[in-house]
Amino acid sequence: MLLEAASDDFEEPDLVRKLLRGLREVRMAKLRSGVDVLDAGGGKIAASREQQRKDRDREELENGYSGTADYDDDEMDMQ
């Protein structure tokens, strides 16, 4: 913004523009790499939750719990 309005106040406005552009590119590259890391980590979190669910289901089957109950708490009489 300063370079647009008052470029004559800088000794080397073209050099300042070049340096600012370089900084912006480096920041964007870091941002993109950070987002890639977060995206990759999110898949691992979901995968571990899926694995936990599978392990829990397998343990319940091994212990004789099928997951299908004959009762429903909502149908219980509260007198």
C-alpha atoms as a PDB file:
ATOM      1  CA  MET A   1       0.000   0.000   0.000  1.00  0.00           C
ATOM      2  CA  LEU A   2       2.829   2.408   0.835  1.00  0.00           C
ATOM      3  CA  LEU A   3       4.616   1.483  -2.358  1.00  0.00           C
ATOM      4  CA  GLU A   4       1.538   2.385  -4.402  1.00  0.00           C
ATOM      5  CA  ALA A   5       0.929   5.734  -2.715  1.00  0.00           C
ATOM      6  CA  ALA A   6       4.465   6.875  -1.930  1.00  0.00           C
ATOM      7  CA  SER A   7       6.987   4.844  -3.888  1.00  0.00           C
ATOM      8  CA  ASP A   8       9.153   7.936  -4.321  1.00  0.00           C
ATOM      9  CA  ASP A   9       9.743   7.955  -0.538  1.00  0.00           C
ATOM     10  CA  PHE A  10      11.700   4.685  -0.795  1.00  0.00           C
ATOM     11  CA  GLU A  11      15.289   4.655  -2.005  1.00  0.00           C
ATOM     12  CA  GLU A  12      14.811   1.487  -4.086  1.00  0.00           C
ATOM     13  CA  PRO A  13      11.075   0.780  -4.457  1.00  0.00           C
ATOM     14  CA  ASP A  14      11.622  -2.037  -6.963  1.00  0.00           C
ATOM     15  CA  LEU A  15      13.932  -3.851  -4.549  1.00  0.00           C
ATOM     16  CA  VAL A  16      11.406  -3.410  -1.724  1.00  0.00           C
ATOM     17  CA  ARG A  17       8.638  -4.828  -3.955  1.00  0.00           C
ATOM     18  CA  LYS A  18      10.845  -7.789  -4.867  1.00  0.00           C
ATOM     19  CA  LEU A  19      11.694  -8.508  -1.229  1.00  0.00           C
ATOM     20  CA  LEU A  20       8.055  -8.235  -0.139  1.00  0.00           C
ATOM     21  CA  ARG A  21       7.001 -10.585  -2.943  1.00  0.00           C
ATOM     22  CA  GLY A  22       9.659 -13.077  -1.799  1.00  0.00           C
ATOM     23  CA  LEU A  23       8.438 -12.900   1.794  1.00  0.00           C
ATOM     24  CA  ARG A  24       4.854 -13.435   0.674  1.00  0.00           C
ATOM     25  CA  GLU A  25       5.859 -16.487  -1.388  1.00  0.00           C
ATOM     26  CA  VAL A  26       7.766 -18.020   1.534  1.00  0.00           C
ATOM     27  CA  ARG A  27       4.834 -17.448   3.892  1.00  0.00           C
ATOM     28  CA  MET A  28       2.394 -19.019   1.436  1.00  0.00           C
ATOM     29  CA  ALA A  29       4.680 -22.028   0.955  1.00  0.00           C
ATOM     30  CA  LYS A  30       4.842 -22.538   4.724  1.00  0.00           C
ATOM     31  CA  LEU A  31       1.085 -22.195   4.959  1.00  0.00           C
ATOM     32  CA  ARG A  32       0.544 -24.783   2.226  1.00  0.00           C
ATOM     33  CA  SER A  33       2.957 -27.249   3.841  1.00  0.00           C
ATOM     34  CA  GLY A  34       1.237 -26.757   7.210  1.00  0.00           C
ATOM     35  CA  VAL A  35      -2.154 -27.455   5.673  1.00  0.00           C
ATOM     36  CA  ASP A  36      -0.790 -30.600   4.011  1.00  0.00           C
ATOM     37  CA  VAL A  37       0.473 -31.842   7.386  1.00  0.00           C
ATOM     38  CA  LEU A  38      -2.906 -31.177   8.985  1.00  0.00           C
ATOM     39  CA  ASP A  39      -4.754 -32.946   6.163  1.00  0.00           C
ATOM     40  CA  ALA A  40      -2.514 -35.990   6.479  1.00  0.00           C
ATOM     41  CA  GLY A  41      -2.950 -36.085  10.244  1.00  0.00           C
ATOM     42  CA  GLY A  42      -6.727 -35.890   9.969  1.00  0.00           C
ATOM     43  CA  GLY A  43      -6.816 -39.064   7.917  1.00  0.00           C
ATOM     44  CA  LYS A  44      -4.767 -40.872  10.540  1.00  0.00           C
ATOM     45  CA  ILE A  45      -7.091 -39.761  13.316  1.00  0.00           C
ATOM     46  CA  ALA A  46     -10.121 -41.039  11.455  1.00  0.00           C
ATOM     47  CA  ALA A  47      -8.324 -44.277  10.644  1.00  0.00           C
ATOM     48  CA  SER A  48      -7.432 -44.872  14.288  1.00  0.00           C
ATOM     49  CA  ARG A  49     -11.037 -44.275  15.347  1.00  0.00           C
ATOM     50  CA  GLU A  50     -12.191 -46.782  12.762  1.00  0.00           C
ATOM     51  CA  GLN A  51      -9.623 -49.283  14.032  1.00  0.00           C
ATOM     52  CA  GLN A  52     -10.779 -48.717  17.627  1.00  0.00           C
ATOM     53  CA  ARG A  53     -14.376 -49.354  16.588  1.00  0.00           C
ATOM     54  CA  LYS A  54     -13.374 -52.577  14.824  1.00  0.00           C
ATOM     55  CA  ASP A  55     -11.360 -53.739  17.852  1.00  0.00           C
ATOM     56  CA  ARG A  56     -14.264 -52.973  20.212  1.00  0.00           C
ATOM     57  CA  ASP A  57     -16.738 -54.832  17.979  1.00  0.00           C
ATOM     58  CA  ARG A  58     -14.420 -57.852  17.784  1.00  0.00           C
ATOM     59  CA  GLU A  59     -13.976 -57.919  21.581  1.00  0.00           C
ATOM     60  CA  GLU A  60     -17.723 -57.692  22.124  1.00  0.00           C
ATOM     61  CA  LEU A  61     -18.301 -60.621  19.781  1.00  0.00           C
ATOM     62  CA  GLU A  62     -15.591 -62.648  21.538  1.00  0.00           C
ATOM     63  CA  ASN A  63     -17.210 -61.920  24.916  1.00  0.00           C
ATOM     64  CA  GLY A  64     -20.633 -62.975  23.700  1.00  0.00           C
ATOM     65  CA  TYR A  65     -22.195 -59.551  23.305  1.00  0.00           C
ATOM     66  CA  SER A  66     -23.844 -59.270  19.928  1.00  0.00           C
ATOM     67  CA  GLY A  67     -24.900 -55.641  20.228  1.00  0.00           C
ATOM     68  CA  THR A  68     -28.574 -56.422  19.752  1.00  0.00           C
ATOM     69  CA  ALA A  69     -30.465 -56.070  23.012  1.00  0.00           C
ATOM     70  CA  ASP A  70     -34.033 -57.262  23.540  1.00  0.00           C
ATOM     71  CA  TYR A  71     -34.935 -54.245  25.632  1.00  0.00           C
ATOM     72  CA  ASP A  72     -35.206 -50.538  25.093  1.00  0.00           C
ATOM     73  CA  ASP A  73     -34.687 -47.992  27.869  1.00  0.00           C
ATOM     74  CA  ASP A  74     -37.280 -45.732  26.290  1.00  0.00           C
ATOM     75  CA  GLU A  75     -39.991 -48.353  26.756  1.00  0.00           C
ATOM     76  CA  MET A  76     -39.311 -48.854  30.466  1.00  0.00           C
ATOM     77  CA  ASP A  77     -42.224 -48.010  32.769  1.00  0.00           C
ATOM     78  CA  MET A  78     -41.437 -45.287  35.253  1.00  0.00           C
ATOM     79  CA  GLN A  79     -44.051 -45.441  38.014  1.00  0.00           C
END
